[in-house]
Amino acid sequence: MTVDPTVLTVIVGMAAITAIARAIGFWLFARVAPSPRFEVALKSMTPAILIAVIVPEVAHGGLAAWLAGIATVIAAIVSRQLLSALIVGVVAVALLRVVIP
């Protein structure tokens, strides 16, 4: 297997930028206390980003993606846990794509 140097450079660069951004965040929050509204916004950011990434895929993914999306929404409502809803969604779409071509 060969690795393209450009791809490797991009991956290493993205990893470095991510690590630097996280380090700055830890450094900043160690020195400044965020307001309650800002904390709520941070806690809401992960589900919002996931929804922004997943919804277009479900919209164009066919019947299996639609059914998996519905299963994921039901799991999220019942469990109120993001991780369990994501697990249900991943398992559902994997199984449904085998059953429904």
PDB file of N, CA and C in Angstrom:
ATOM      1  N   MET A   1       0.837  -1.172   0.000  1.00  0.00           N
ATOM      2  CA  MET A   1       0.000   0.000   0.000  1.00  0.00           C
ATOM      3  C   MET A   1       0.886   1.241   0.000  1.00  0.00           C
ATOM      4  N   THR A   2       0.588   2.173  -0.847  1.00  0.00           N
ATOM      5  CA  THR A   2       1.345   3.420  -0.900  1.00  0.00           C
ATOM      6  C   THR A   2       0.503   4.546  -0.328  1.00  0.00           C
ATOM      7  N   VAL A   3       1.175   5.472   0.264  1.00  0.00           N
ATOM      8  CA  VAL A   3       0.516   6.626   0.857  1.00  0.00           C
ATOM      9  C   VAL A   3       0.931   7.862   0.087  1.00  0.00           C
ATOM     10  N   ASP A   4      -0.075   8.592  -0.384  1.00  0.00           N
ATOM     11  CA  ASP A   4       0.186   9.835  -1.101  1.00  0.00           C
ATOM     12  C   ASP A   4       0.706  10.875  -0.097  1.00  0.00           C
ATOM     13  N   PRO A   5       1.849  11.495  -0.366  1.00  0.00           N
ATOM     14  CA  PRO A   5       2.404  12.469   0.577  1.00  0.00           C
ATOM     15  C   PRO A   5       1.477  13.655   0.829  1.00  0.00           C
ATOM     16  N   THR A   6       0.721  14.060  -0.178  1.00  0.00           N
ATOM     17  CA  THR A   6      -0.203  15.178   0.006  1.00  0.00           C
ATOM     18  C   THR A   6      -1.299  14.809   0.995  1.00  0.00           C
ATOM     19  N   VAL A   7      -1.857  13.619   0.844  1.00  0.00           N
ATOM     20  CA  VAL A   7      -2.904  13.160   1.757  1.00  0.00           C
ATOM     21  C   VAL A   7      -2.355  13.046   3.174  1.00  0.00           C
ATOM     22  N   LEU A   8      -1.183  12.489   3.318  1.00  0.00           N
ATOM     23  CA  LEU A   8      -0.569  12.356   4.631  1.00  0.00           C
ATOM     24  C   LEU A   8      -0.328  13.723   5.266  1.00  0.00           C
ATOM     25  N   THR A   9       0.142  14.671   4.479  1.00  0.00           N
ATOM     26  CA  THR A   9       0.374  16.031   4.979  1.00  0.00           C
ATOM     27  C   THR A   9      -0.927  16.681   5.445  1.00  0.00           C
ATOM     28  N   VAL A  10      -1.985  16.502   4.672  1.00  0.00           N
ATOM     29  CA  VAL A  10      -3.279  17.073   5.047  1.00  0.00           C
ATOM     30  C   VAL A  10      -3.788  16.441   6.339  1.00  0.00           C
ATOM     31  N   ILE A  11      -3.677  15.132   6.467  1.00  0.00           N
ATOM     32  CA  ILE A  11      -4.146  14.451   7.675  1.00  0.00           C
ATOM     33  C   ILE A  11      -3.364  14.906   8.897  1.00  0.00           C
ATOM     34  N   VAL A  12      -2.057  14.970   8.784  1.00  0.00           N
ATOM     35  CA  VAL A  12      -1.221  15.413   9.906  1.00  0.00           C
ATOM     36  C   VAL A  12      -1.518  16.872  10.246  1.00  0.00           C
ATOM     37  N   GLY A  13      -1.707  17.699   9.227  1.00  0.00           N
ATOM     38  CA  GLY A  13      -2.040  19.103   9.461  1.00  0.00           C
ATOM     39  C   GLY A  13      -3.369  19.271  10.166  1.00  0.00           C
ATOM     40  N   MET A  14      -4.374  18.510   9.738  1.00  0.00           N
ATOM     41  CA  MET A  14      -5.680  18.590  10.384  1.00  0.00           C
ATOM     42  C   MET A  14      -5.605  18.111  11.831  1.00  0.00           C
ATOM     43  N   ALA A  15      -4.840  17.060  12.082  1.00  0.00           N
ATOM     44  CA  ALA A  15      -4.676  16.566  13.445  1.00  0.00           C
ATOM     45  C   ALA A  15      -3.988  17.617  14.318  1.00  0.00           C
ATOM     46  N   ALA A  16      -2.980  18.274  13.779  1.00  0.00           N
ATOM     47  CA  ALA A  16      -2.269  19.309  14.544  1.00  0.00           C
ATOM     48  C   ALA A  16      -3.186  20.489  14.852  1.00  0.00           C
ATOM     49  N   ILE A  17      -3.959  20.926  13.879  1.00  0.00           N
ATOM     50  CA  ILE A  17      -4.865  22.052  14.105  1.00  0.00           C
ATOM     51  C   ILE A  17      -5.932  21.685  15.134  1.00  0.00           C
ATOM     52  N   THR A  18      -6.449  20.468  15.062  1.00  0.00           N
ATOM     53  CA  THR A  18      -7.438  20.016  16.041  1.00  0.00           C
ATOM     54  C   THR A  18      -6.835  19.991  17.446  1.00  0.00           C
ATOM     55  N   ALA A  19      -5.617  19.462  17.567  1.00  0.00           N
ATOM     56  CA  ALA A  19      -4.964  19.401  18.875  1.00  0.00           C
ATOM     57  C   ALA A  19      -4.710  20.807  19.426  1.00  0.00           C
ATOM     58  N   ILE A  20      -4.278  21.720  18.571  1.00  0.00           N
ATOM     59  CA  ILE A  20      -4.028  23.095  19.008  1.00  0.00           C
ATOM     60  C   ILE A  20      -5.326  23.764  19.449  1.00  0.00           C
ATOM     61  N   ALA A  21      -6.409  23.563  18.683  1.00  0.00           N
ATOM     62  CA  ALA A  21      -7.700  24.164  19.050  1.00  0.00           C
ATOM     63  C   ALA A  21      -8.187  23.630  20.390  1.00  0.00           C
ATOM     64  N   ARG A  22      -8.023  22.337  20.621  1.00  0.00           N
ATOM     65  CA  ARG A  22      -8.436  21.765  21.909  1.00  0.00           C
ATOM     66  C   ARG A  22      -7.574  22.308  23.049  1.00  0.00           C
ATOM     67  N   ALA A  23      -6.282  22.412  22.822  1.00  0.00           N
ATOM     68  CA  ALA A  23      -5.392  22.929  23.864  1.00  0.00           C
ATOM     69  C   ALA A  23      -5.751  24.372  24.209  1.00  0.00           C
ATOM     70  N   ILE A  24      -6.042  25.172  23.208  1.00  0.00           N
ATOM     71  CA  ILE A  24      -6.449  26.559  23.464  1.00  0.00           C
ATOM     72  C   ILE A  24      -7.748  26.594  24.253  1.00  0.00           C
ATOM     73  N   GLY A  25      -8.686  25.715  23.903  1.00  0.00           N
ATOM     74  CA  GLY A  25      -9.950  25.661  24.642  1.00  0.00           C
ATOM     75  C   GLY A  25      -9.748  25.293  26.096  1.00  0.00           C
ATOM     76  N   PHE A  26      -8.929  24.268  26.358  1.00  0.00           N
ATOM     77  CA  PHE A  26      -8.648  23.884  27.745  1.00  0.00           C
ATOM     78  C   PHE A  26      -7.952  25.014  28.498  1.00  0.00           C
ATOM     79  N   TRP A  27      -7.010  25.649  27.842  1.00  0.00           N
ATOM     80  CA  TRP A  27      -6.284  26.752  28.478  1.00  0.00           C
ATOM     81  C   TRP A  27      -7.237  27.894  28.805  1.00  0.00           C
ATOM     82  N   LEU A  28      -8.110  28.235  27.851  1.00  0.00           N
ATOM     83  CA  LEU A  28      -9.032  29.345  28.036  1.00  0.00           C
ATOM     84  C   LEU A  28     -10.034  29.062  29.148  1.00  0.00           C
ATOM     85  N   PHE A  29     -10.629  27.857  29.154  1.00  0.00           N
ATOM     86  CA  PHE A  29     -11.628  27.548  30.169  1.00  0.00           C
ATOM     87  C   PHE A  29     -11.018  27.348  31.546  1.00  0.00           C
ATOM     88  N   ALA A  30      -9.727  27.123  31.626  1.00  0.00           N
ATOM     89  CA  ALA A  30      -9.073  27.042  32.935  1.00  0.00           C
ATOM     90  C   ALA A  30      -8.915  28.433  33.552  1.00  0.00           C
ATOM     91  N   ARG A  31      -8.976  29.457  32.725  1.00  0.00           N
ATOM     92  CA  ARG A  31      -8.761  30.818  33.207  1.00  0.00           C
ATOM     93  C   ARG A  31     -10.017  31.678  33.231  1.00  0.00           C
ATOM     94  N   VAL A  32     -11.021  31.320  32.435  1.00  0.00           N
ATOM     95  CA  VAL A  32     -12.241  32.121  32.336  1.00  0.00           C
ATOM     96  C   VAL A  32     -13.443  31.210  32.579  1.00  0.00           C
ATOM     97  N   ALA A  33     -14.334  31.615  33.465  1.00  0.00           N
ATOM     98  CA  ALA A  33     -15.541  30.833  33.730  1.00  0.00           C
ATOM     99  C   ALA A  33     -16.610  31.202  32.699  1.00  0.00           C
ATOM    100  N   PRO A  34     -17.108  30.226  31.945  1.00  0.00           N
ATOM    101  CA  PRO A  34     -18.142  30.537  30.961  1.00  0.00           C
ATOM    102  C   PRO A  34     -19.479  30.852  31.633  1.00  0.00           C
ATOM    103  N   SER A  35     -20.267  31.669  30.975  1.00  0.00           N
ATOM    104  CA  SER A  35     -21.587  32.004  31.507  1.00  0.00           C
ATOM    105  C   SER A  35     -22.515  30.796  31.359  1.00  0.00           C
ATOM    106  N   PRO A  36     -23.585  30.751  32.117  1.00  0.00           N
ATOM    107  CA  PRO A  36     -24.524  29.629  31.997  1.00  0.00           C
ATOM    108  C   PRO A  36     -25.107  29.498  30.578  1.00  0.00           C
ATOM    109  N   ARG A  37     -25.377  30.610  29.920  1.00  0.00           N
ATOM    110  CA  ARG A  37     -25.916  30.551  28.557  1.00  0.00           C
ATOM    111  C   ARG A  37     -24.897  29.955  27.588  1.00  0.00           C
ATOM    112  N   PHE A  38     -23.638  30.291  27.784  1.00  0.00           N
ATOM    113  CA  PHE A  38     -22.592  29.749  26.923  1.00  0.00           C
ATOM    114  C   PHE A  38     -22.431  28.247  27.147  1.00  0.00           C
ATOM    115  N   GLU A  39     -22.546  27.790  28.389  1.00  0.00           N
ATOM    116  CA  GLU A  39     -22.462  26.356  28.687  1.00  0.00           C
ATOM    117  C   GLU A  39     -23.600  25.592  28.019  1.00  0.00           C
ATOM    118  N   VAL A  40     -24.805  26.161  28.048  1.00  0.00           N
ATOM    119  CA  VAL A  40     -25.942  25.516  27.381  1.00  0.00           C
ATOM    120  C   VAL A  40     -25.686  25.443  25.878  1.00  0.00           C
ATOM    121  N   ALA A  41     -25.139  26.508  25.312  1.00  0.00           N
ATOM    122  CA  ALA A  41     -24.834  26.508  23.878  1.00  0.00           C
ATOM    123  C   ALA A  41     -23.800  25.439  23.541  1.00  0.00           C
ATOM    124  N   LEU A  42     -22.777  25.291  24.360  1.00  0.00           N
ATOM    125  CA  LEU A  42     -21.766  24.259  24.117  1.00  0.00           C
ATOM    126  C   LEU A  42     -22.356  22.854  24.207  1.00  0.00           C
ATOM    127  N   LYS A  43     -23.239  22.635  25.171  1.00  0.00           N
ATOM    128  CA  LYS A  43     -23.847  21.321  25.315  1.00  0.00           C
ATOM    129  C   LYS A  43     -24.788  20.996  24.154  1.00  0.00           C
ATOM    130  N   SER A  44     -25.344  22.006  23.523  1.00  0.00           N
ATOM    131  CA  SER A  44     -26.256  21.799  22.398  1.00  0.00           C
ATOM    132  C   SER A  44     -25.524  21.672  21.069  1.00  0.00           C
ATOM    133  N   MET A  45     -24.262  22.007  21.046  1.00  0.00           N
ATOM    134  CA  MET A  45     -23.527  22.035  19.790  1.00  0.00           C
ATOM    135  C   MET A  45     -23.334  20.657  19.175  1.00  0.00           C
ATOM    136  N   THR A  46     -23.002  19.644  19.961  1.00  0.00           N
ATOM    137  CA  THR A  46     -22.753  18.315  19.420  1.00  0.00           C
ATOM    138  C   THR A  46     -23.986  17.739  18.729  1.00  0.00           C
ATOM    139  N   PRO A  47     -25.163  17.734  19.369  1.00  0.00           N
ATOM    140  CA  PRO A  47     -26.332  17.229  18.645  1.00  0.00           C
ATOM    141  C   PRO A  47     -26.655  18.046  17.396  1.00  0.00           C
ATOM    142  N   ALA A  48     -26.463  19.346  17.457  1.00  0.00           N
ATOM    143  CA  ALA A  48     -26.764  20.185  16.293  1.00  0.00           C
ATOM    144  C   ALA A  48     -25.849  19.860  15.117  1.00  0.00           C
ATOM    145  N   ILE A  49     -24.576  19.647  15.395  1.00  0.00           N
ATOM    146  CA  ILE A  49     -23.632  19.301  14.322  1.00  0.00           C
ATOM    147  C   ILE A  49     -23.960  17.927  13.749  1.00  0.00           C
ATOM    148  N   LEU A  50     -24.270  16.975  14.614  1.00  0.00           N
ATOM    149  CA  LEU A  50     -24.632  15.640  14.130  1.00  0.00           C
ATOM    150  C   LEU A  50     -25.877  15.680  13.264  1.00  0.00           C
ATOM    151  N   ILE A  51     -26.872  16.440  13.672  1.00  0.00           N
ATOM    152  CA  ILE A  51     -28.091  16.557  12.873  1.00  0.00           C
ATOM    153  C   ILE A  51     -27.785  17.194  11.528  1.00  0.00           C
ATOM    154  N   ALA A  52     -26.940  18.215  11.513  1.00  0.00           N
ATOM    155  CA  ALA A  52     -26.588  18.871  10.257  1.00  0.00           C
ATOM    156  C   ALA A  52     -25.854  17.944   9.300  1.00  0.00           C
ATOM    157  N   VAL A  53     -25.125  16.983   9.824  1.00  0.00           N
ATOM    158  CA  VAL A  53     -24.400  16.040   8.977  1.00  0.00           C
ATOM    159  C   VAL A  53     -25.303  14.878   8.552  1.00  0.00           C
ATOM    160  N   ILE A  54     -26.147  14.409   9.445  1.00  0.00           N
ATOM    161  CA  ILE A  54     -26.927  13.204   9.197  1.00  0.00           C
ATOM    162  C   ILE A  54     -28.174  13.461   8.351  1.00  0.00           C
ATOM    163  N   VAL A  55     -28.876  14.544   8.565  1.00  0.00           N
ATOM    164  CA  VAL A  55     -30.145  14.786   7.872  1.00  0.00           C
ATOM    165  C   VAL A  55     -30.002  14.792   6.346  1.00  0.00           C
ATOM    166  N   PRO A  56     -29.016  15.447   5.757  1.00  0.00           N
ATOM    167  CA  PRO A  56     -28.906  15.365   4.293  1.00  0.00           C
ATOM    168  C   PRO A  56     -28.677  13.938   3.791  1.00  0.00           C
ATOM    169  N   GLU A  57     -27.935  13.152   4.544  1.00  0.00           N
ATOM    170  CA  GLU A  57     -27.710  11.757   4.148  1.00  0.00           C
ATOM    171  C   GLU A  57     -29.012  10.966   4.211  1.00  0.00           C
ATOM    172  N   VAL A  58     -29.801  11.181   5.237  1.00  0.00           N
ATOM    173  CA  VAL A  58     -31.090  10.495   5.358  1.00  0.00           C
ATOM    174  C   VAL A  58     -32.024  10.951   4.237  1.00  0.00           C
ATOM    175  N   ALA A  59     -32.030  12.238   3.940  1.00  0.00           N
ATOM    176  CA  ALA A  59     -32.932  12.773   2.922  1.00  0.00           C
ATOM    177  C   ALA A  59     -32.668  12.178   1.545  1.00  0.00           C
ATOM    178  N   HIS A  60     -31.426  11.850   1.248  1.00  0.00           N
ATOM    179  CA  HIS A  60     -31.070  11.327  -0.072  1.00  0.00           C
ATOM    180  C   HIS A  60     -30.672   9.860  -0.045  1.00  0.00           C
ATOM    181  N   GLY A  61     -30.838   9.187   1.098  1.00  0.00           N
ATOM    182  CA  GLY A  61     -30.314   7.841   1.251  1.00  0.00           C
ATOM    183  C   GLY A  61     -31.224   6.704   0.872  1.00  0.00           C
ATOM    184  N   GLY A  62     -32.473   6.961   0.577  1.00  0.00           N
ATOM    185  CA  GLY A  62     -33.370   5.879   0.227  1.00  0.00           C
ATOM    186  C   GLY A  62     -34.143   5.351   1.415  1.00  0.00           C
ATOM    187  N   LEU A  63     -34.874   4.259   1.172  1.00  0.00           N
ATOM    188  CA  LEU A  63     -35.773   3.707   2.187  1.00  0.00           C
ATOM    189  C   LEU A  63     -35.029   3.244   3.441  1.00  0.00           C
ATOM    190  N   ALA A  64     -33.892   2.594   3.278  1.00  0.00           N
ATOM    191  CA  ALA A  64     -33.132   2.113   4.439  1.00  0.00           C
ATOM    192  C   ALA A  64     -32.701   3.280   5.326  1.00  0.00           C
ATOM    193  N   ALA A  65     -32.235   4.354   4.727  1.00  0.00           N
ATOM    194  CA  ALA A  65     -31.808   5.520   5.504  1.00  0.00           C
ATOM    195  C   ALA A  65     -32.993   6.178   6.204  1.00  0.00           C
ATOM    196  N   TRP A  66     -34.131   6.242   5.523  1.00  0.00           N
ATOM    197  CA  TRP A  66     -35.321   6.827   6.138  1.00  0.00           C
ATOM    198  C   TRP A  66     -35.772   6.010   7.344  1.00  0.00           C
ATOM    199  N   LEU A  67     -35.833   4.700   7.186  1.00  0.00           N
ATOM    200  CA  LEU A  67     -36.255   3.849   8.295  1.00  0.00           C
ATOM    201  C   LEU A  67     -35.267   3.903   9.458  1.00  0.00           C
ATOM    202  N   ALA A  68     -33.989   3.944   9.147  1.00  0.00           N
ATOM    203  CA  ALA A  68     -32.977   4.063  10.200  1.00  0.00           C
ATOM    204  C   ALA A  68     -33.082   5.420  10.890  1.00  0.00           C
ATOM    205  N   GLY A  69     -33.372   6.460  10.131  1.00  0.00           N
ATOM    206  CA  GLY A  69     -33.569   7.789  10.719  1.00  0.00           C
ATOM    207  C   GLY A  69     -34.748   7.814  11.673  1.00  0.00           C
ATOM    208  N   ILE A  70     -35.836   7.168  11.269  1.00  0.00           N
ATOM    209  CA  ILE A  70     -37.010   7.095  12.145  1.00  0.00           C
ATOM    210  C   ILE A  70     -36.676   6.313  13.411  1.00  0.00           C
ATOM    211  N   ALA A  71     -35.966   5.198  13.263  1.00  0.00           N
ATOM    212  CA  ALA A  71     -35.563   4.415  14.434  1.00  0.00           C
ATOM    213  C   ALA A  71     -34.662   5.228  15.366  1.00  0.00           C
ATOM    214  N   THR A  72     -33.791   6.024  14.788  1.00  0.00           N
ATOM    215  CA  THR A  72     -32.893   6.855  15.588  1.00  0.00           C
ATOM    216  C   THR A  72     -33.657   7.923  16.362  1.00  0.00           C
ATOM    217  N   VAL A  73     -34.619   8.555  15.709  1.00  0.00           N
ATOM    218  CA  VAL A  73     -35.427   9.579  16.385  1.00  0.00           C
ATOM    219  C   VAL A  73     -36.219   8.954  17.536  1.00  0.00           C
ATOM    220  N   ILE A  74     -36.801   7.791  17.294  1.00  0.00           N
ATOM    221  CA  ILE A  74     -37.550   7.107  18.359  1.00  0.00           C
ATOM    222  C   ILE A  74     -36.622   6.741  19.516  1.00  0.00           C
ATOM    223  N   ALA A  75     -35.429   6.241  19.200  1.00  0.00           N
ATOM    224  CA  ALA A  75     -34.466   5.899  20.253  1.00  0.00           C
ATOM    225  C   ALA A  75     -34.043   7.135  21.042  1.00  0.00           C
ATOM    226  N   ALA A  76     -33.886   8.250  20.350  1.00  0.00           N
ATOM    227  CA  ALA A  76     -33.489   9.490  21.041  1.00  0.00           C
ATOM    228  C   ALA A  76     -34.595   9.971  21.970  1.00  0.00           C
ATOM    229  N   ILE A  77     -35.842   9.859  21.518  1.00  0.00           N
ATOM    230  CA  ILE A  77     -36.965  10.299  22.355  1.00  0.00           C
ATOM    231  C   ILE A  77     -37.113   9.389  23.573  1.00  0.00           C
ATOM    232  N   VAL A  78     -36.992   8.087  23.356  1.00  0.00           N
ATOM    233  CA  VAL A  78     -37.184   7.127  24.454  1.00  0.00           C
ATOM    234  C   VAL A  78     -36.029   7.185  25.443  1.00  0.00           C
ATOM    235  N   SER A  79     -34.799   7.157  24.947  1.00  0.00           N
ATOM    236  CA  SER A  79     -33.643   7.060  25.854  1.00  0.00           C
ATOM    237  C   SER A  79     -33.147   8.407  26.358  1.00  0.00           C
ATOM    238  N   ARG A  80     -33.347   9.445  25.567  1.00  0.00           N
ATOM    239  CA  ARG A  80     -32.808  10.787  25.885  1.00  0.00           C
ATOM    240  C   ARG A  80     -31.291  10.775  26.027  1.00  0.00           C
ATOM    241  N   GLN A  81     -30.657   9.831  25.359  1.00  0.00           N
ATOM    242  CA  GLN A  81     -29.201   9.713  25.371  1.00  0.00           C
ATOM    243  C   GLN A  81     -28.690   9.762  23.936  1.00  0.00           C
ATOM    244  N   LEU A  82     -27.792  10.663  23.661  1.00  0.00           N
ATOM    245  CA  LEU A  82     -27.265  10.835  22.318  1.00  0.00           C
ATOM    246  C   LEU A  82     -26.512   9.592  21.848  1.00  0.00           C
ATOM    247  N   LEU A  83     -25.684   9.034  22.697  1.00  0.00           N
ATOM    248  CA  LEU A  83     -24.875   7.878  22.300  1.00  0.00           C
ATOM    249  C   LEU A  83     -25.737   6.670  21.962  1.00  0.00           C
ATOM    250  N   SER A  84     -26.741   6.395  22.771  1.00  0.00           N
ATOM    251  CA  SER A  84     -27.589   5.232  22.486  1.00  0.00           C
ATOM    252  C   SER A  84     -28.389   5.443  21.208  1.00  0.00           C
ATOM    253  N   ALA A  85     -28.842   6.656  20.957  1.00  0.00           N
ATOM    254  CA  ALA A  85     -29.559   6.937  19.708  1.00  0.00           C
ATOM    255  C   ALA A  85     -28.639   6.764  18.500  1.00  0.00           C
ATOM    256  N   LEU A  86     -27.393   7.195  18.622  1.00  0.00           N
ATOM    257  CA  LEU A  86     -26.436   7.026  17.524  1.00  0.00           C
ATOM    258  C   LEU A  86     -26.144   5.553  17.267  1.00  0.00           C
ATOM    259  N   ILE A  87     -26.017   4.777  18.327  1.00  0.00           N
ATOM    260  CA  ILE A  87     -25.768   3.337  18.167  1.00  0.00           C
ATOM    261  C   ILE A  87     -26.953   2.674  17.465  1.00  0.00           C
ATOM    262  N   VAL A  88     -28.160   3.022  17.887  1.00  0.00           N
ATOM    263  CA  VAL A  88     -29.354   2.474  17.232  1.00  0.00           C
ATOM    264  C   VAL A  88     -29.369   2.853  15.759  1.00  0.00           C
ATOM    265  N   GLY A  89     -29.042   4.090  15.451  1.00  0.00           N
ATOM    266  CA  GLY A  89     -29.041   4.536  14.064  1.00  0.00           C
ATOM    267  C   GLY A  89     -28.019   3.818  13.206  1.00  0.00           C
ATOM    268  N   VAL A  90     -26.819   3.655  13.712  1.00  0.00           N
ATOM    269  CA  VAL A  90     -25.762   2.982  12.950  1.00  0.00           C
ATOM    270  C   VAL A  90     -26.114   1.520  12.719  1.00  0.00           C
ATOM    271  N   VAL A  91     -26.570   0.853  13.765  1.00  0.00           N
ATOM    272  CA  VAL A  91     -26.943  -0.558  13.625  1.00  0.00           C
ATOM    273  C   VAL A  91     -28.141  -0.699  12.683  1.00  0.00           C
ATOM    274  N   ALA A  92     -29.124   0.181  12.828  1.00  0.00           N
ATOM    275  CA  ALA A  92     -30.318   0.103  11.971  1.00  0.00           C
ATOM    276  C   ALA A  92     -29.972   0.310  10.512  1.00  0.00           C
ATOM    277  N   VAL A  93     -29.168   1.310  10.206  1.00  0.00           N
ATOM    278  CA  VAL A  93     -28.843   1.558   8.795  1.00  0.00           C
ATOM    279  C   VAL A  93     -27.987   0.424   8.237  1.00  0.00           C
ATOM    280  N   ALA A  94     -27.106  -0.133   9.032  1.00  0.00           N
ATOM    281  CA  ALA A  94     -26.283  -1.250   8.549  1.00  0.00           C
ATOM    282  C   ALA A  94     -27.151  -2.466   8.247  1.00  0.00           C
ATOM    283  N   LEU A  95     -28.049  -2.807   9.145  1.00  0.00           N
ATOM    284  CA  LEU A  95     -28.924  -3.966   8.933  1.00  0.00           C
ATOM    285  C   LEU A  95     -29.922  -3.729   7.800  1.00  0.00           C
ATOM    286  N   LEU A  96     -30.488  -2.527   7.759  1.00  0.00           N
ATOM    287  CA  LEU A  96     -31.477  -2.252   6.724  1.00  0.00           C
ATOM    288  C   LEU A  96     -30.856  -2.190   5.326  1.00  0.00           C
ATOM    289  N   ARG A  97     -29.626  -1.750   5.233  1.00  0.00           N
ATOM    290  CA  ARG A  97     -28.975  -1.737   3.910  1.00  0.00           C
ATOM    291  C   ARG A  97     -28.670  -3.137   3.411  1.00  0.00           C
ATOM    292  N   VAL A  98     -28.550  -4.098   4.332  1.00  0.00           N
ATOM    293  CA  VAL A  98     -28.383  -5.495   3.913  1.00  0.00           C
ATOM    294  C   VAL A  98     -29.726  -6.047   3.423  1.00  0.00           C
ATOM    295  N   VAL A  99     -30.798  -5.717   4.150  1.00  0.00           N
ATOM    296  CA  VAL A  99     -32.119  -6.256   3.829  1.00  0.00           C
ATOM    297  C   VAL A  99     -32.753  -5.530   2.650  1.00  0.00           C
ATOM    298  N   ILE A 100     -32.657  -4.204   2.640  1.00  0.00           N
ATOM    299  CA  ILE A 100     -33.285  -3.388   1.590  1.00  0.00           C
ATOM    300  C   ILE A 100     -32.180  -2.880   0.671  1.00  0.00           C
ATOM    301  N   PRO A 101     -32.126  -3.377  -0.553  1.00  0.00           N
ATOM    302  CA  PRO A 101     -31.049  -2.937  -1.469  1.00  0.00           C
ATOM    303  C   PRO A 101     -31.211  -1.514  -1.933  1.00  0.00           C
TER     304      PRO A 101
END
